[in-house]
Amino acid sequence: MSDIDERGVRLSLPLIWTIGAGLVATGLYLGTSMATLAVESREFREAIKAQREWQASMEGRTRANELTSSRNSDRFDTLKQAIDELKAGQILTLDILRGLDRR
């Protein structure tokens, strides 16, 4: 396959073809691997972008729900206060009626 003499290393033609074919195959493999990696990284970036858009949308919806919940809570507090006032009025009315019944 190869010989070493005073002029250097001499390679046989089949060995040269094997090395050349190996280099070409390695180049093709690396090229397709890099192309596949580039496509997959682009798809990954697009998926991340879509995920961030979805997350921003969900954050907006969450904020809207929190505001609505806060408004409802305020309304319920006001309603509770009005009911408490009505109960106090009923108790006062009942006390007055009991006082009239005793006479």
N, C-alpha and C. Protein backbone atom coordinates (compact mmCIF):
# COMPACT_ATOMS: atom_id res chain seq x y z
N MET A 1 0.81 -1.18 0.00
CA MET A 1 0.00 0.00 0.00
C MET A 1 0.86 1.25 0.00
N SER A 2 1.82 1.29 0.89
CA SER A 2 2.69 2.47 0.90
C SER A 2 4.13 2.00 1.09
N ASP A 3 5.01 2.79 0.60
CA ASP A 3 6.44 2.50 0.72
C ASP A 3 7.15 3.76 1.17
N ILE A 4 8.22 3.57 1.90
CA ILE A 4 9.05 4.70 2.30
C ILE A 4 10.39 4.52 1.62
N ASP A 5 10.81 5.53 0.88
CA ASP A 5 12.14 5.50 0.26
C ASP A 5 12.80 6.85 0.45
N GLU A 6 13.90 7.09 -0.23
CA GLU A 6 14.63 8.35 -0.04
C GLU A 6 13.84 9.57 -0.50
N ARG A 7 12.84 9.41 -1.35
CA ARG A 7 12.04 10.54 -1.84
C ARG A 7 10.82 10.80 -0.97
N GLY A 8 10.53 9.99 0.02
CA GLY A 8 9.41 10.19 0.91
C GLY A 8 8.47 9.01 0.90
N VAL A 9 7.27 9.24 1.30
CA VAL A 9 6.26 8.19 1.38
C VAL A 9 5.53 8.15 0.06
N ARG A 10 5.45 6.94 -0.49
CA ARG A 10 4.68 6.77 -1.72
C ARG A 10 3.44 5.98 -1.40
N LEU A 11 2.28 6.50 -1.85
CA LEU A 11 1.01 5.84 -1.59
C LEU A 11 0.53 5.17 -2.86
N SER A 12 -0.12 4.05 -2.68
CA SER A 12 -0.67 3.36 -3.84
C SER A 12 -1.98 4.05 -4.24
N LEU A 13 -2.37 3.85 -5.47
CA LEU A 13 -3.58 4.48 -6.01
C LEU A 13 -4.85 4.05 -5.26
N PRO A 14 -5.07 2.79 -4.89
CA PRO A 14 -6.27 2.44 -4.13
C PRO A 14 -6.33 3.14 -2.78
N LEU A 15 -5.18 3.31 -2.12
CA LEU A 15 -5.15 4.00 -0.84
C LEU A 15 -5.50 5.48 -1.01
N ILE A 16 -5.01 6.08 -2.07
CA ILE A 16 -5.32 7.49 -2.36
C ILE A 16 -6.82 7.64 -2.60
N TRP A 17 -7.40 6.73 -3.37
CA TRP A 17 -8.84 6.78 -3.64
C TRP A 17 -9.66 6.57 -2.36
N THR A 18 -9.22 5.69 -1.49
CA THR A 18 -9.90 5.44 -0.22
C THR A 18 -9.87 6.68 0.66
N ILE A 19 -8.70 7.29 0.76
CA ILE A 19 -8.57 8.50 1.57
C ILE A 19 -9.43 9.62 0.99
N GLY A 20 -9.40 9.79 -0.32
CA GLY A 20 -10.20 10.84 -0.98
C GLY A 20 -11.69 10.62 -0.77
N ALA A 21 -12.13 9.37 -0.95
CA ALA A 21 -13.55 9.06 -0.77
C ALA A 21 -13.95 9.30 0.69
N GLY A 22 -13.08 8.94 1.61
CA GLY A 22 -13.36 9.17 3.03
C GLY A 22 -13.49 10.65 3.34
N LEU A 23 -12.61 11.46 2.76
CA LEU A 23 -12.67 12.90 2.98
C LEU A 23 -13.94 13.50 2.37
N VAL A 24 -14.31 13.05 1.19
CA VAL A 24 -15.53 13.54 0.56
C VAL A 24 -16.76 13.13 1.37
N ALA A 25 -16.80 11.88 1.81
CA ALA A 25 -17.93 11.40 2.61
C ALA A 25 -18.02 12.18 3.93
N THR A 26 -16.86 12.42 4.55
CA THR A 26 -16.85 13.20 5.79
C THR A 26 -17.35 14.62 5.55
N GLY A 27 -16.95 15.22 4.44
CA GLY A 27 -17.41 16.56 4.10
C GLY A 27 -18.92 16.60 3.87
N LEU A 28 -19.43 15.60 3.16
CA LEU A 28 -20.88 15.54 2.92
C LEU A 28 -21.63 15.34 4.24
N TYR A 29 -21.12 14.46 5.08
CA TYR A 29 -21.76 14.20 6.36
C TYR A 29 -21.79 15.47 7.22
N LEU A 30 -20.65 16.15 7.31
CA LEU A 30 -20.59 17.37 8.11
C LEU A 30 -21.49 18.46 7.52
N GLY A 31 -21.54 18.56 6.20
CA GLY A 31 -22.38 19.55 5.55
C GLY A 31 -23.86 19.32 5.83
N THR A 32 -24.30 18.07 5.69
CA THR A 32 -25.72 17.77 5.96
C THR A 32 -26.03 17.92 7.44
N SER A 33 -25.08 17.56 8.30
CA SER A 33 -25.30 17.73 9.74
C SER A 33 -25.44 19.21 10.09
N MET A 34 -24.61 20.05 9.51
CA MET A 34 -24.69 21.49 9.78
C MET A 34 -25.99 22.08 9.24
N ALA A 35 -26.42 21.63 8.06
CA ALA A 35 -27.67 22.12 7.50
C ALA A 35 -28.85 21.69 8.38
N THR A 36 -28.84 20.45 8.82
CA THR A 36 -29.90 19.97 9.70
C THR A 36 -29.91 20.74 11.01
N LEU A 37 -28.75 20.99 11.56
CA LEU A 37 -28.63 21.76 12.79
C LEU A 37 -29.16 23.17 12.60
N ALA A 38 -28.86 23.79 11.46
CA ALA A 38 -29.34 25.15 11.20
C ALA A 38 -30.86 25.17 11.12
N VAL A 39 -31.46 24.19 10.44
CA VAL A 39 -32.92 24.12 10.33
C VAL A 39 -33.55 23.90 11.70
N GLU A 40 -33.01 22.97 12.45
CA GLU A 40 -33.56 22.69 13.78
C GLU A 40 -33.41 23.86 14.73
N SER A 41 -32.30 24.59 14.65
CA SER A 41 -32.13 25.75 15.52
C SER A 41 -33.10 26.86 15.12
N ARG A 42 -33.39 27.03 13.83
CA ARG A 42 -34.37 28.01 13.39
C ARG A 42 -35.76 27.63 13.89
N GLU A 43 -36.10 26.35 13.78
CA GLU A 43 -37.40 25.88 14.28
C GLU A 43 -37.49 26.06 15.80
N PHE A 44 -36.39 25.83 16.50
CA PHE A 44 -36.36 26.01 17.95
C PHE A 44 -36.57 27.47 18.31
N ARG A 45 -35.90 28.38 17.58
CA ARG A 45 -36.09 29.82 17.83
C ARG A 45 -37.53 30.23 17.58
N GLU A 46 -38.15 29.69 16.52
CA GLU A 46 -39.55 30.00 16.23
C GLU A 46 -40.46 29.48 17.34
N ALA A 47 -40.16 28.29 17.84
CA ALA A 47 -40.96 27.73 18.93
C ALA A 47 -40.82 28.58 20.20
N ILE A 48 -39.62 29.04 20.48
CA ILE A 48 -39.41 29.91 21.64
C ILE A 48 -40.16 31.21 21.47
N LYS A 49 -40.12 31.77 20.26
CA LYS A 49 -40.84 33.02 20.00
C LYS A 49 -42.35 32.82 20.20
N ALA A 50 -42.89 31.73 19.69
CA ALA A 50 -44.31 31.44 19.86
C ALA A 50 -44.65 31.24 21.33
N GLN A 51 -43.77 30.57 22.07
CA GLN A 51 -43.99 30.36 23.50
C GLN A 51 -44.00 31.69 24.25
N ARG A 52 -43.10 32.60 23.89
CA ARG A 52 -43.06 33.90 24.55
C ARG A 52 -44.32 34.71 24.23
N GLU A 53 -44.79 34.64 22.99
CA GLU A 53 -46.02 35.34 22.63
C GLU A 53 -47.21 34.78 23.41
N TRP A 54 -47.28 33.47 23.52
CA TRP A 54 -48.35 32.84 24.29
C TRP A 54 -48.28 33.26 25.76
N GLN A 55 -47.06 33.28 26.31
CA GLN A 55 -46.87 33.66 27.70
C GLN A 55 -47.30 35.10 27.92
N ALA A 56 -46.94 36.00 26.99
CA ALA A 56 -47.36 37.40 27.12
C ALA A 56 -48.88 37.51 27.06
N SER A 57 -49.49 36.72 26.19
CA SER A 57 -50.95 36.72 26.09
C SER A 57 -51.57 36.25 27.40
N MET A 58 -51.02 35.19 27.97
CA MET A 58 -51.55 34.67 29.23
C MET A 58 -51.34 35.67 30.37
N GLU A 59 -50.22 36.38 30.37
CA GLU A 59 -49.98 37.39 31.40
C GLU A 59 -51.01 38.51 31.30
N GLY A 60 -51.33 38.92 30.07
CA GLY A 60 -52.35 39.94 29.87
C GLY A 60 -53.71 39.48 30.38
N ARG A 61 -54.05 38.24 30.06
CA ARG A 61 -55.33 37.71 30.53
C ARG A 61 -55.35 37.59 32.05
N THR A 62 -54.23 37.20 32.63
CA THR A 62 -54.15 37.08 34.09
C THR A 62 -54.33 38.45 34.74
N ARG A 63 -53.67 39.47 34.18
CA ARG A 63 -53.83 40.82 34.72
C ARG A 63 -55.27 41.28 34.64
N ALA A 64 -55.92 41.01 33.52
CA ALA A 64 -57.33 41.39 33.37
C ALA A 64 -58.19 40.68 34.41
N ASN A 65 -57.93 39.40 34.63
CA ASN A 65 -58.69 38.64 35.64
C ASN A 65 -58.43 39.18 37.04
N GLU A 66 -57.19 39.57 37.32
CA GLU A 66 -56.88 40.13 38.63
C GLU A 66 -57.61 41.44 38.85
N LEU A 67 -57.67 42.28 37.81
CA LEU A 67 -58.38 43.55 37.94
C LEU A 67 -59.87 43.31 38.17
N THR A 68 -60.43 42.38 37.41
CA THR A 68 -61.85 42.05 37.58
C THR A 68 -62.10 41.50 38.98
N SER A 69 -61.23 40.65 39.44
CA SER A 69 -61.36 40.08 40.78
C SER A 69 -61.28 41.18 41.84
N SER A 70 -60.40 42.12 41.65
CA SER A 70 -60.26 43.22 42.60
C SER A 70 -61.53 44.07 42.63
N ARG A 71 -62.06 44.36 41.44
CA ARG A 71 -63.31 45.13 41.38
C ARG A 71 -64.45 44.37 42.05
N ASN A 72 -64.55 43.08 41.78
CA ASN A 72 -65.60 42.27 42.40
C ASN A 72 -65.44 42.24 43.92
N SER A 73 -64.22 42.14 44.38
CA SER A 73 -63.95 42.13 45.81
C SER A 73 -64.43 43.44 46.45
N ASP A 74 -64.13 44.56 45.78
CA ASP A 74 -64.60 45.86 46.29
C ASP A 74 -66.12 45.91 46.33
N ARG A 75 -66.75 45.40 45.28
CA ARG A 75 -68.21 45.39 45.22
C ARG A 75 -68.80 44.52 46.35
N PHE A 76 -68.19 43.37 46.58
CA PHE A 76 -68.66 42.48 47.64
C PHE A 76 -68.48 43.12 49.01
N ASP A 77 -67.37 43.84 49.19
CA ASP A 77 -67.17 44.53 50.47
C ASP A 77 -68.25 45.58 50.70
N THR A 78 -68.56 46.33 49.64
CA THR A 78 -69.62 47.34 49.74
C THR A 78 -70.96 46.68 50.02
N LEU A 79 -71.25 45.58 49.34
CA LEU A 79 -72.49 44.84 49.55
C LEU A 79 -72.57 44.29 50.98
N LYS A 80 -71.45 43.77 51.48
CA LYS A 80 -71.42 43.25 52.85
C LYS A 80 -71.69 44.37 53.85
N GLN A 81 -71.11 45.52 53.60
CA GLN A 81 -71.33 46.66 54.49
C GLN A 81 -72.81 47.06 54.48
N ALA A 82 -73.43 47.08 53.31
CA ALA A 82 -74.85 47.42 53.22
C ALA A 82 -75.71 46.38 53.93
N ILE A 83 -75.38 45.11 53.80
CA ILE A 83 -76.13 44.04 54.48
C ILE A 83 -75.97 44.17 55.99
N ASP A 84 -74.75 44.48 56.44
CA ASP A 84 -74.53 44.67 57.87
C ASP A 84 -75.36 45.83 58.41
N GLU A 85 -75.47 46.92 57.61
CA GLU A 85 -76.29 48.05 58.03
C GLU A 85 -77.77 47.65 58.10
N LEU A 86 -78.21 46.85 57.12
CA LEU A 86 -79.60 46.37 57.14
C LEU A 86 -79.86 45.49 58.37
N LYS A 87 -78.91 44.62 58.69
CA LYS A 87 -79.07 43.76 59.86
C LYS A 87 -79.15 44.61 61.12
N ALA A 88 -78.30 45.63 61.22
CA ALA A 88 -78.33 46.50 62.41
C ALA A 88 -79.67 47.21 62.49
N GLY A 89 -80.20 47.64 61.35
CA GLY A 89 -81.51 48.28 61.33
C GLY A 89 -82.61 47.32 61.74
N GLN A 90 -82.50 46.07 61.29
CA GLN A 90 -83.51 45.07 61.68
C GLN A 90 -83.47 44.80 63.17
N ILE A 91 -82.26 44.72 63.72
CA ILE A 91 -82.12 44.49 65.16
C ILE A 91 -82.73 45.65 65.93
N LEU A 92 -82.47 46.88 65.48
CA LEU A 92 -83.03 48.06 66.14
C LEU A 92 -84.55 48.05 66.05
N THR A 93 -85.07 47.72 64.85
CA THR A 93 -86.53 47.66 64.67
C THR A 93 -87.12 46.58 65.56
N LEU A 94 -86.49 45.43 65.65
CA LEU A 94 -86.97 44.34 66.49
C LEU A 94 -86.97 44.76 67.96
N ASP A 95 -85.93 45.47 68.40
CA ASP A 95 -85.89 45.95 69.78
C ASP A 95 -87.02 46.93 70.05
N ILE A 96 -87.29 47.81 69.11
CA ILE A 96 -88.39 48.77 69.27
C ILE A 96 -89.73 48.05 69.34
N LEU A 97 -89.94 47.06 68.47
CA LEU A 97 -91.18 46.29 68.47
C LEU A 97 -91.36 45.50 69.78
N ARG A 98 -90.30 44.95 70.30
CA ARG A 98 -90.36 44.22 71.56
C ARG A 98 -90.71 45.18 72.70
N GLY A 99 -90.13 46.39 72.61
CA GLY A 99 -90.43 47.39 73.64
C GLY A 99 -91.90 47.80 73.59
N LEU A 100 -92.46 47.89 72.39
CA LEU A 100 -93.87 48.25 72.26
C LEU A 100 -94.76 47.10 72.72
N ASP A 101 -94.31 45.87 72.50
CA ASP A 101 -95.10 44.70 72.88
C ASP A 101 -95.18 44.56 74.40
N ARG A 102 -94.17 44.97 75.11
CA ARG A 102 -94.09 44.86 76.57
C ARG A 102 -95.04 45.86 77.24
N ARG A 103 -95.35 46.93 76.61
CA ARG A 103 -96.21 47.97 77.22
C ARG A 103 -97.60 47.59 77.20
